[in-house]
Amino acid sequence: MPVADELIFDYLDNSNVMILNVMYDEYQPYSCLSWANHGNSDIPIMINDGVSLGQGGEHSLESLFFNDITMPKHIFINHELNVFYKEAGSMSNTEVEEIIYEMIELKENSQ
């Protein structure tokens, strides 16, 4: 996902932002190891969290936040470890950046 990778690079050095990637459906089309070997070492760690809700998985990170099978899923957690925003379905980089910016602004204004 080169476009998403570019967005991640914009925030790698920002201590106010942490990005996690969770993988489901391993071997569709690559294993986690294959994704890691073909990826960029600067991209955050990917977590293999078993099987997605859409494939009948239960008790996963995904199931803590969602109960539907729409993919992809986005969860934004603020500096107080509260869910700030979540979305099931595609989001543009602009939408993601706006939410991150809003979270950073709220954090800075609360200090």
N, C-alpha and C. Protein backbone atom coordinates (compact mmCIF):
# COMPACT_ATOMS: atom_id res chain seq x y z
N MET A 1 0.83 -1.18 0.00
CA MET A 1 0.00 0.00 0.00
C MET A 1 0.87 1.24 0.00
N PRO A 2 1.48 1.57 -1.11
CA PRO A 2 2.42 2.70 -1.15
C PRO A 2 1.83 4.02 -0.69
N VAL A 3 0.57 4.32 -1.02
CA VAL A 3 -0.02 5.59 -0.60
C VAL A 3 -0.16 5.63 0.91
N ALA A 4 -0.63 4.54 1.52
CA ALA A 4 -0.75 4.48 2.98
C ALA A 4 0.63 4.55 3.62
N ASP A 5 1.63 3.91 3.01
CA ASP A 5 2.99 3.98 3.54
C ASP A 5 3.48 5.42 3.61
N GLU A 6 3.18 6.20 2.58
CA GLU A 6 3.59 7.61 2.57
C GLU A 6 2.95 8.36 3.73
N LEU A 7 1.69 8.08 4.02
CA LEU A 7 1.00 8.72 5.13
C LEU A 7 1.67 8.35 6.45
N ILE A 8 2.01 7.08 6.60
CA ILE A 8 2.68 6.63 7.83
C ILE A 8 4.01 7.35 7.99
N PHE A 9 4.77 7.49 6.91
CA PHE A 9 6.07 8.17 6.98
C PHE A 9 5.92 9.61 7.48
N ASP A 10 4.81 10.25 7.17
CA ASP A 10 4.59 11.62 7.61
C ASP A 10 4.55 11.73 9.13
N TYR A 11 4.21 10.63 9.81
CA TYR A 11 4.02 10.67 11.26
C TYR A 11 5.02 9.83 12.04
N LEU A 12 6.00 9.21 11.38
CA LEU A 12 6.94 8.33 12.07
C LEU A 12 7.72 9.05 13.17
N ASP A 13 8.08 10.28 12.96
CA ASP A 13 8.89 11.01 13.93
C ASP A 13 8.05 11.85 14.90
N ASN A 14 6.74 11.70 14.84
CA ASN A 14 5.86 12.47 15.73
C ASN A 14 5.56 11.61 16.95
N SER A 15 6.07 12.03 18.11
CA SER A 15 5.88 11.25 19.33
C SER A 15 4.43 11.23 19.80
N ASN A 16 3.58 12.05 19.20
CA ASN A 16 2.17 12.08 19.57
C ASN A 16 1.32 11.10 18.76
N VAL A 17 1.94 10.37 17.84
CA VAL A 17 1.19 9.46 16.98
C VAL A 17 1.84 8.08 17.02
N MET A 18 1.01 7.06 17.22
CA MET A 18 1.46 5.67 17.14
C MET A 18 0.56 4.95 16.14
N ILE A 19 1.16 4.22 15.24
CA ILE A 19 0.39 3.52 14.21
C ILE A 19 0.66 2.03 14.34
N LEU A 20 -0.41 1.27 14.42
CA LEU A 20 -0.33 -0.19 14.46
C LEU A 20 -1.04 -0.75 13.25
N ASN A 21 -0.51 -1.81 12.70
CA ASN A 21 -1.15 -2.52 11.61
C ASN A 21 -1.49 -3.92 12.09
N VAL A 22 -2.72 -4.33 11.91
CA VAL A 22 -3.15 -5.67 12.30
C VAL A 22 -3.51 -6.44 11.04
N MET A 23 -2.94 -7.64 10.91
CA MET A 23 -3.18 -8.46 9.72
C MET A 23 -4.16 -9.58 10.04
N TYR A 24 -5.05 -9.83 9.10
CA TYR A 24 -5.96 -10.97 9.17
C TYR A 24 -5.82 -11.78 7.89
N ASP A 25 -6.31 -12.99 7.94
CA ASP A 25 -6.34 -13.84 6.74
C ASP A 25 -4.94 -14.04 6.17
N GLU A 26 -4.07 -14.52 7.03
CA GLU A 26 -2.71 -14.80 6.60
C GLU A 26 -2.72 -15.69 5.37
N TYR A 27 -1.75 -15.48 4.51
CA TYR A 27 -1.59 -16.18 3.23
C TYR A 27 -2.62 -15.74 2.21
N GLN A 28 -3.21 -14.57 2.40
CA GLN A 28 -4.17 -14.03 1.45
C GLN A 28 -3.67 -12.67 0.97
N PRO A 29 -2.75 -12.47 0.14
CA PRO A 29 -2.02 -13.48 -0.61
C PRO A 29 -0.67 -13.84 0.01
N TYR A 30 -0.23 -13.15 1.09
CA TYR A 30 1.09 -13.40 1.65
C TYR A 30 1.00 -13.74 3.13
N SER A 31 2.02 -14.40 3.64
CA SER A 31 2.11 -14.63 5.08
C SER A 31 2.60 -13.34 5.73
N CYS A 32 2.50 -13.26 7.04
CA CYS A 32 3.01 -12.07 7.76
C CYS A 32 4.50 -11.91 7.48
N LEU A 33 5.24 -13.03 7.48
CA LEU A 33 6.68 -12.96 7.22
C LEU A 33 6.94 -12.40 5.82
N SER A 34 6.15 -12.84 4.84
CA SER A 34 6.32 -12.32 3.48
C SER A 34 6.03 -10.83 3.42
N TRP A 35 4.95 -10.40 4.09
CA TRP A 35 4.65 -8.96 4.13
C TRP A 35 5.82 -8.21 4.74
N ALA A 36 6.35 -8.73 5.85
CA ALA A 36 7.46 -8.06 6.53
C ALA A 36 8.71 -8.01 5.66
N ASN A 37 9.01 -9.12 4.97
CA ASN A 37 10.20 -9.17 4.12
C ASN A 37 10.09 -8.26 2.91
N HIS A 38 8.88 -8.01 2.42
CA HIS A 38 8.70 -7.17 1.24
C HIS A 38 8.35 -5.74 1.60
N GLY A 39 8.18 -5.49 2.87
CA GLY A 39 7.77 -4.16 3.32
C GLY A 39 8.96 -3.26 3.58
N ASN A 40 8.69 -2.19 4.25
CA ASN A 40 9.70 -1.21 4.59
C ASN A 40 10.00 -1.33 6.08
N SER A 41 11.25 -1.41 6.44
CA SER A 41 11.62 -1.61 7.84
C SER A 41 11.23 -0.44 8.73
N ASP A 42 10.90 0.71 8.15
CA ASP A 42 10.47 1.86 8.94
C ASP A 42 8.98 1.84 9.27
N ILE A 43 8.22 0.96 8.62
CA ILE A 43 6.79 0.86 8.87
C ILE A 43 6.60 0.12 10.19
N PRO A 44 5.62 0.51 10.98
CA PRO A 44 5.42 -0.14 12.28
C PRO A 44 5.16 -1.65 12.16
N ILE A 45 5.36 -2.32 13.26
CA ILE A 45 5.18 -3.77 13.33
C ILE A 45 3.76 -4.14 12.97
N MET A 46 3.63 -5.24 12.24
CA MET A 46 2.31 -5.79 11.92
C MET A 46 2.02 -6.92 12.90
N ILE A 47 0.79 -7.00 13.33
CA ILE A 47 0.36 -8.04 14.26
C ILE A 47 -0.53 -9.02 13.51
N ASN A 48 -0.20 -10.30 13.58
CA ASN A 48 -1.07 -11.32 13.01
C ASN A 48 -2.06 -11.69 14.10
N ASP A 49 -3.30 -11.29 13.93
CA ASP A 49 -4.31 -11.44 14.98
C ASP A 49 -5.28 -12.57 14.68
N GLY A 50 -4.85 -13.56 13.93
CA GLY A 50 -5.72 -14.71 13.67
C GLY A 50 -6.65 -14.48 12.50
N VAL A 51 -7.91 -14.81 12.71
CA VAL A 51 -8.90 -14.77 11.65
C VAL A 51 -9.87 -13.61 11.89
N SER A 52 -10.20 -12.90 10.83
CA SER A 52 -11.10 -11.74 10.95
C SER A 52 -12.52 -12.17 11.27
N LEU A 53 -13.32 -11.20 11.71
CA LEU A 53 -14.73 -11.46 11.98
C LEU A 53 -15.44 -11.98 10.72
N GLY A 54 -15.05 -11.47 9.58
CA GLY A 54 -15.66 -11.88 8.32
C GLY A 54 -15.40 -13.33 7.97
N GLN A 55 -14.37 -13.90 8.56
CA GLN A 55 -14.04 -15.30 8.32
C GLN A 55 -14.40 -16.18 9.52
N GLY A 56 -15.20 -15.63 10.45
CA GLY A 56 -15.66 -16.41 11.59
C GLY A 56 -14.79 -16.31 12.82
N GLY A 57 -13.80 -15.43 12.80
CA GLY A 57 -12.91 -15.27 13.95
C GLY A 57 -13.60 -14.60 15.11
N GLU A 58 -13.18 -14.93 16.30
CA GLU A 58 -13.72 -14.34 17.52
C GLU A 58 -12.56 -14.01 18.45
N HIS A 59 -12.83 -13.18 19.43
CA HIS A 59 -11.85 -12.87 20.48
C HIS A 59 -10.57 -12.29 19.91
N SER A 60 -10.69 -11.41 18.97
CA SER A 60 -9.54 -10.77 18.35
C SER A 60 -9.54 -9.29 18.70
N LEU A 61 -8.47 -8.63 18.36
CA LEU A 61 -8.40 -7.19 18.55
C LEU A 61 -9.56 -6.51 17.83
N GLU A 62 -9.84 -6.97 16.64
CA GLU A 62 -10.93 -6.42 15.84
C GLU A 62 -12.26 -6.49 16.59
N SER A 63 -12.52 -7.61 17.25
CA SER A 63 -13.81 -7.80 17.92
C SER A 63 -13.97 -6.93 19.16
N LEU A 64 -12.88 -6.34 19.65
CA LEU A 64 -12.99 -5.42 20.77
C LEU A 64 -13.64 -4.10 20.37
N PHE A 65 -13.57 -3.78 19.08
CA PHE A 65 -14.05 -2.48 18.60
C PHE A 65 -15.21 -2.57 17.61
N PHE A 66 -15.37 -3.70 16.95
CA PHE A 66 -16.37 -3.83 15.89
C PHE A 66 -17.13 -5.13 16.02
N ASN A 67 -18.33 -5.14 15.44
CA ASN A 67 -19.09 -6.38 15.37
C ASN A 67 -19.58 -6.66 13.95
N ASP A 68 -19.06 -5.91 12.98
CA ASP A 68 -19.42 -6.16 11.59
C ASP A 68 -18.20 -6.60 10.79
N ILE A 69 -18.43 -7.07 9.58
CA ILE A 69 -17.35 -7.66 8.80
C ILE A 69 -16.75 -6.71 7.76
N THR A 70 -17.21 -5.48 7.70
CA THR A 70 -16.69 -4.51 6.74
C THR A 70 -15.19 -4.31 6.96
N MET A 71 -14.45 -4.29 5.87
CA MET A 71 -13.00 -4.06 5.92
C MET A 71 -12.67 -2.90 4.99
N PRO A 72 -11.61 -2.18 5.19
CA PRO A 72 -10.72 -2.23 6.35
C PRO A 72 -11.35 -1.53 7.54
N LYS A 73 -10.70 -1.62 8.66
CA LYS A 73 -11.18 -0.96 9.87
C LYS A 73 -10.10 -0.01 10.39
N HIS A 74 -10.55 1.11 10.91
CA HIS A 74 -9.64 2.14 11.42
C HIS A 74 -10.06 2.49 12.83
N ILE A 75 -9.11 2.49 13.75
CA ILE A 75 -9.40 2.85 15.14
C ILE A 75 -8.37 3.89 15.54
N PHE A 76 -8.84 5.01 16.03
CA PHE A 76 -7.98 6.09 16.47
C PHE A 76 -8.11 6.20 17.98
N ILE A 77 -7.02 5.98 18.68
CA ILE A 77 -7.01 6.00 20.14
C ILE A 77 -6.20 7.19 20.59
N ASN A 78 -6.76 8.00 21.47
CA ASN A 78 -6.08 9.24 21.86
C ASN A 78 -5.01 9.00 22.93
N HIS A 79 -4.38 10.09 23.37
CA HIS A 79 -3.28 10.03 24.33
C HIS A 79 -3.72 9.55 25.71
N GLU A 80 -5.02 9.53 25.96
CA GLU A 80 -5.55 9.02 27.23
C GLU A 80 -6.03 7.57 27.08
N LEU A 81 -5.71 6.96 25.95
CA LEU A 81 -6.08 5.58 25.62
C LEU A 81 -7.59 5.38 25.51
N ASN A 82 -8.28 6.41 25.07
CA ASN A 82 -9.71 6.33 24.79
C ASN A 82 -9.92 6.28 23.28
N VAL A 83 -10.95 5.56 22.84
CA VAL A 83 -11.26 5.53 21.42
C VAL A 83 -11.75 6.92 21.02
N PHE A 84 -11.01 7.55 20.14
CA PHE A 84 -11.34 8.89 19.67
C PHE A 84 -12.30 8.81 18.47
N TYR A 85 -12.04 7.84 17.59
CA TYR A 85 -12.85 7.68 16.38
C TYR A 85 -12.62 6.28 15.84
N LYS A 86 -13.65 5.70 15.25
CA LYS A 86 -13.48 4.42 14.58
C LYS A 86 -14.36 4.40 13.34
N GLU A 87 -13.88 3.68 12.36
CA GLU A 87 -14.58 3.62 11.07
C GLU A 87 -14.38 2.25 10.46
N ALA A 88 -15.45 1.63 10.02
CA ALA A 88 -15.38 0.39 9.25
C ALA A 88 -15.61 0.77 7.80
N GLY A 89 -14.64 0.51 6.96
CA GLY A 89 -14.71 0.89 5.55
C GLY A 89 -13.54 1.76 5.18
N SER A 90 -13.41 2.01 3.92
CA SER A 90 -12.27 2.78 3.42
C SER A 90 -12.32 4.23 3.87
N MET A 91 -11.15 4.76 4.08
CA MET A 91 -10.99 6.18 4.39
C MET A 91 -9.88 6.72 3.50
N SER A 92 -10.03 7.96 3.08
CA SER A 92 -8.98 8.58 2.28
C SER A 92 -7.85 9.02 3.22
N ASN A 93 -6.68 9.22 2.64
CA ASN A 93 -5.57 9.73 3.44
C ASN A 93 -5.91 11.09 4.04
N THR A 94 -6.67 11.89 3.31
CA THR A 94 -7.08 13.20 3.82
C THR A 94 -7.94 13.05 5.07
N GLU A 95 -8.88 12.12 5.05
CA GLU A 95 -9.73 11.88 6.22
C GLU A 95 -8.90 11.42 7.41
N VAL A 96 -7.97 10.51 7.17
CA VAL A 96 -7.11 10.01 8.24
C VAL A 96 -6.26 11.14 8.82
N GLU A 97 -5.66 11.94 7.95
CA GLU A 97 -4.84 13.05 8.40
C GLU A 97 -5.65 14.07 9.21
N GLU A 98 -6.87 14.33 8.80
CA GLU A 98 -7.72 15.27 9.54
C GLU A 98 -7.99 14.78 10.96
N ILE A 99 -8.24 13.49 11.11
CA ILE A 99 -8.50 12.93 12.44
C ILE A 99 -7.24 12.98 13.29
N ILE A 100 -6.10 12.60 12.70
CA ILE A 100 -4.84 12.65 13.45
C ILE A 100 -4.54 14.09 13.87
N TYR A 101 -4.72 15.04 12.96
CA TYR A 101 -4.47 16.44 13.27
C TYR A 101 -5.37 16.90 14.42
N GLU A 102 -6.65 16.53 14.36
CA GLU A 102 -7.59 16.90 15.42
C GLU A 102 -7.16 16.30 16.77
N MET A 103 -6.71 15.07 16.76
CA MET A 103 -6.26 14.43 17.99
C MET A 103 -5.04 15.14 18.56
N ILE A 104 -4.09 15.49 17.70
CA ILE A 104 -2.88 16.19 18.16
C ILE A 104 -3.24 17.56 18.71
N GLU A 105 -4.13 18.28 18.01
CA GLU A 105 -4.55 19.60 18.47
C GLU A 105 -5.23 19.52 19.84
N LEU A 106 -6.11 18.56 20.03
CA LEU A 106 -6.78 18.41 21.31
C LEU A 106 -5.80 18.08 22.43
N LYS A 107 -4.80 17.25 22.12
CA LYS A 107 -3.79 16.91 23.11
C LYS A 107 -3.00 18.15 23.51
N GLU A 108 -2.56 18.90 22.51
CA GLU A 108 -1.75 20.10 22.78
C GLU A 108 -2.54 21.14 23.54
N ASN A 109 -3.82 21.27 23.25
CA ASN A 109 -4.68 22.24 23.95
C ASN A 109 -5.02 21.81 25.36
N SER A 110 -4.88 20.52 25.66
CA SER A 110 -5.21 20.02 27.00
C SER A 110 -4.04 20.12 27.96
N GLN A 111 -2.87 20.45 27.43
CA GLN A 111 -1.67 20.52 28.29
C GLN A 111 -1.51 21.88 28.92
